[in-house]
Amino acid sequence: MADSTRFLVRSFGFRAEAFLSAQQFLDSGLLEETKCLLLILDLRMPGIGGLELQRNLTNANKGIPIIFISARATEHERKQAIAGGAVDFLRKPFNEEALLNAINLALSERHHSK
């Protein structure tokens, strides 16, 4: 799923990297070196889950727009993600247009918050 999402985001014209875990992303250095960062997170990942990563980034004052995706999220988890500042929450399977709309919304919110 990570690779197919990465290819899809690249097809929209954006740079995209895929990581199999939150820790792999945190170890990548992208958090420090990238000015315009957007995360597409699955709720269920090995190790640190999506909601935990969202909380950690918020606590570290990293204002990174997050789009969540999940196949089996509960309504409570969806509400937690949105309450935590997620831009959107897409249920798998999602279509290309839904993802592109969420990305554009995240980028416009980031632009307006500066």
C-alpha atoms as a PDB file:
ATOM      1  CA  MET A   1       0.000   0.000   0.000  1.00  0.00           C
ATOM      2  CA  ALA A   2       2.846   2.410   0.812  1.00  0.00           C
ATOM      3  CA  ASP A   3       4.430   1.968  -2.606  1.00  0.00           C
ATOM      4  CA  SER A   4       1.175   2.334  -4.522  1.00  0.00           C
ATOM      5  CA  THR A   5       0.335   5.509  -2.585  1.00  0.00           C
ATOM      6  CA  ARG A   6       3.843   6.847  -3.265  1.00  0.00           C
ATOM      7  CA  PHE A   7       3.451   6.214  -7.022  1.00  0.00           C
ATOM      8  CA  LEU A   8       0.011   7.834  -6.988  1.00  0.00           C
ATOM      9  CA  VAL A   9       1.278  10.957  -5.202  1.00  0.00           C
ATOM     10  CA  ARG A  10       4.197  11.170  -7.635  1.00  0.00           C
ATOM     11  CA  SER A  11       1.753  10.934 -10.540  1.00  0.00           C
ATOM     12  CA  PHE A  12       0.135  14.126  -9.174  1.00  0.00           C
ATOM     13  CA  GLY A  13       3.511  15.850  -9.573  1.00  0.00           C
ATOM     14  CA  PHE A  14       4.731  15.811  -5.960  1.00  0.00           C
ATOM     15  CA  ARG A  15       7.885  14.375  -4.448  1.00  0.00           C
ATOM     16  CA  ALA A  16       6.940  11.343  -2.394  1.00  0.00           C
ATOM     17  CA  GLU A  17       8.752   8.888  -0.167  1.00  0.00           C
ATOM     18  CA  ALA A  18       7.310   5.743   1.394  1.00  0.00           C
ATOM     19  CA  PHE A  19       8.223   4.344   4.792  1.00  0.00           C
ATOM     20  CA  LEU A  20       7.053   1.073   6.266  1.00  0.00           C
ATOM     21  CA  SER A  21       7.012   2.405   9.827  1.00  0.00           C
ATOM     22  CA  ALA A  22       6.867   5.661  11.731  1.00  0.00           C
ATOM     23  CA  GLN A  23      10.328   4.976  13.137  1.00  0.00           C
ATOM     24  CA  GLN A  24      11.745   4.563   9.615  1.00  0.00           C
ATOM     25  CA  PHE A  25      10.300   7.988   8.745  1.00  0.00           C
ATOM     26  CA  LEU A  26      11.661   9.580  11.938  1.00  0.00           C
ATOM     27  CA  ASP A  27      15.112   8.100  11.241  1.00  0.00           C
ATOM     28  CA  SER A  28      15.095   9.386   7.632  1.00  0.00           C
ATOM     29  CA  GLY A  29      15.964  12.992   8.509  1.00  0.00           C
ATOM     30  CA  LEU A  30      13.094  14.362   6.400  1.00  0.00           C
ATOM     31  CA  LEU A  31      11.482  15.888   9.458  1.00  0.00           C
ATOM     32  CA  GLU A  32      14.408  18.295   9.871  1.00  0.00           C
ATOM     33  CA  GLU A  33      15.408  18.915   6.264  1.00  0.00           C
ATOM     34  CA  THR A  34      12.078  19.456   4.525  1.00  0.00           C
ATOM     35  CA  LYS A  35      10.217  22.762   4.762  1.00  0.00           C
ATOM     36  CA  CYS A  36       7.018  21.629   3.056  1.00  0.00           C
ATOM     37  CA  LEU A  37       6.110  18.247   4.438  1.00  0.00           C
ATOM     38  CA  LEU A  38       2.810  16.419   4.320  1.00  0.00           C
ATOM     39  CA  LEU A  39       2.253  12.996   5.861  1.00  0.00           C
ATOM     40  CA  ILE A  40      -0.139  10.341   4.649  1.00  0.00           C
ATOM     41  CA  LEU A  41      -0.364   7.964   7.588  1.00  0.00           C
ATOM     42  CA  ASP A  42      -2.021   4.645   8.097  1.00  0.00           C
ATOM     43  CA  LEU A  43      -3.483   4.166  11.560  1.00  0.00           C
ATOM     44  CA  ARG A  44      -1.969   0.693  11.788  1.00  0.00           C
ATOM     45  CA  MET A  45       1.790   0.603  11.344  1.00  0.00           C
ATOM     46  CA  PRO A  46       4.457  -1.572  12.939  1.00  0.00           C
ATOM     47  CA  GLY A  47       5.699  -0.042  16.191  1.00  0.00           C
ATOM     48  CA  ILE A  48       4.459   3.523  16.552  1.00  0.00           C
ATOM     49  CA  GLY A  49       0.916   3.813  15.187  1.00  0.00           C
ATOM     50  CA  GLY A  50      -0.414   6.741  13.199  1.00  0.00           C
ATOM     51  CA  LEU A  51      -2.278   8.386  16.077  1.00  0.00           C
ATOM     52  CA  GLU A  52       0.765   8.108  18.341  1.00  0.00           C
ATOM     53  CA  LEU A  53       3.006   9.656  15.679  1.00  0.00           C
ATOM     54  CA  GLN A  54       0.480  12.475  15.241  1.00  0.00           C
ATOM     55  CA  ARG A  55       0.536  13.143  19.019  1.00  0.00           C
ATOM     56  CA  ASN A  56       4.349  13.037  19.129  1.00  0.00           C
ATOM     57  CA  LEU A  57       4.663  15.528  16.259  1.00  0.00           C
ATOM     58  CA  THR A  58       2.075  17.837  17.829  1.00  0.00           C
ATOM     59  CA  ASN A  59       3.851  17.694  21.206  1.00  0.00           C
ATOM     60  CA  ALA A  60       7.123  18.573  19.430  1.00  0.00           C
ATOM     61  CA  ASN A  61       5.418  21.596  17.789  1.00  0.00           C
ATOM     62  CA  LYS A  62       5.854  20.148  14.310  1.00  0.00           C
ATOM     63  CA  GLY A  63       2.951  21.623  12.363  1.00  0.00           C
ATOM     64  CA  ILE A  64       2.843  18.965   9.666  1.00  0.00           C
ATOM     65  CA  PRO A  65      -0.429  18.394   7.808  1.00  0.00           C
ATOM     66  CA  ILE A  66      -1.552  14.778   8.122  1.00  0.00           C
ATOM     67  CA  ILE A  67      -3.938  12.776   5.987  1.00  0.00           C
ATOM     68  CA  PHE A  68      -4.934   9.476   7.573  1.00  0.00           C
ATOM     69  CA  ILE A  69      -5.884   6.372   5.653  1.00  0.00           C
ATOM     70  CA  SER A  70      -7.242   3.157   7.074  1.00  0.00           C
ATOM     71  CA  ALA A  71      -9.246   0.122   6.091  1.00  0.00           C
ATOM     72  CA  ARG A  72     -10.445  -0.805   9.572  1.00  0.00           C
ATOM     73  CA  ALA A  73     -10.587   2.387  11.619  1.00  0.00           C
ATOM     74  CA  THR A  74     -13.252   2.768  14.244  1.00  0.00           C
ATOM     75  CA  GLU A  75     -15.348   5.916  14.372  1.00  0.00           C
ATOM     76  CA  HIS A  76     -13.569   6.781  17.647  1.00  0.00           C
ATOM     77  CA  GLU A  77     -10.157   6.550  15.946  1.00  0.00           C
ATOM     78  CA  ARG A  78     -11.352   8.713  13.060  1.00  0.00           C
ATOM     79  CA  LYS A  79     -12.626  11.340  15.494  1.00  0.00           C
ATOM     80  CA  GLN A  80      -9.332  11.231  17.430  1.00  0.00           C
ATOM     81  CA  ALA A  81      -7.356  11.829  14.234  1.00  0.00           C
ATOM     82  CA  ILE A  82      -9.504  14.782  13.165  1.00  0.00           C
ATOM     83  CA  ALA A  83      -9.547  16.248  16.697  1.00  0.00           C
ATOM     84  CA  GLY A  84      -5.753  15.939  16.690  1.00  0.00           C
ATOM     85  CA  GLY A  85      -5.587  18.157  13.616  1.00  0.00           C
ATOM     86  CA  ALA A  86      -5.679  15.722  10.712  1.00  0.00           C
ATOM     87  CA  VAL A  87      -6.655  17.370   7.435  1.00  0.00           C
ATOM     88  CA  ASP A  88      -8.671  14.385   6.242  1.00  0.00           C
ATOM     89  CA  PHE A  89      -9.375  10.742   6.963  1.00  0.00           C
ATOM     90  CA  LEU A  90      -9.763   8.455   3.965  1.00  0.00           C
ATOM     91  CA  ARG A  91     -11.094   4.935   4.199  1.00  0.00           C
ATOM     92  CA  LYS A  92      -9.409   2.281   2.051  1.00  0.00           C
ATOM     93  CA  PRO A  93     -10.061   1.773  -0.719  1.00  0.00           C
ATOM     94  CA  PHE A  94     -10.072   5.446  -1.654  1.00  0.00           C
ATOM     95  CA  ASN A  95     -10.051   6.912  -5.152  1.00  0.00           C
ATOM     96  CA  GLU A  96      -7.369   9.105  -6.697  1.00  0.00           C
ATOM     97  CA  GLU A  97      -9.561  12.197  -6.653  1.00  0.00           C
ATOM     98  CA  ALA A  98     -10.227  11.887  -2.906  1.00  0.00           C
ATOM     99  CA  LEU A  99      -6.496  11.697  -2.188  1.00  0.00           C
ATOM    100  CA  LEU A 100      -5.648  14.604  -4.498  1.00  0.00           C
ATOM    101  CA  ASN A 101      -8.398  16.716  -2.901  1.00  0.00           C
ATOM    102  CA  ALA A 102      -7.025  15.926   0.568  1.00  0.00           C
ATOM    103  CA  ILE A 103      -3.475  16.831  -0.522  1.00  0.00           C
ATOM    104  CA  ASN A 104      -4.648  20.118  -2.032  1.00  0.00           C
ATOM    105  CA  LEU A 105      -6.602  20.915   1.143  1.00  0.00           C
ATOM    106  CA  ALA A 106      -3.539  20.172   3.290  1.00  0.00           C
ATOM    107  CA  LEU A 107      -1.324  22.363   1.135  1.00  0.00           C
ATOM    108  CA  SER A 108      -3.823  25.236   1.098  1.00  0.00           C
ATOM    109  CA  GLU A 109      -4.204  25.057   4.900  1.00  0.00           C
ATOM    110  CA  ARG A 110      -0.419  25.067   5.266  1.00  0.00           C
ATOM    111  CA  HIS A 111      -0.168  28.088   2.959  1.00  0.00           C
ATOM    112  CA  HIS A 112      -2.874  30.007   4.865  1.00  0.00           C
ATOM    113  CA  SER A 113      -1.338  29.263   8.277  1.00  0.00           C
ATOM    114  CA  LYS A 114       1.911  31.059   7.388  1.00  0.00           C
END
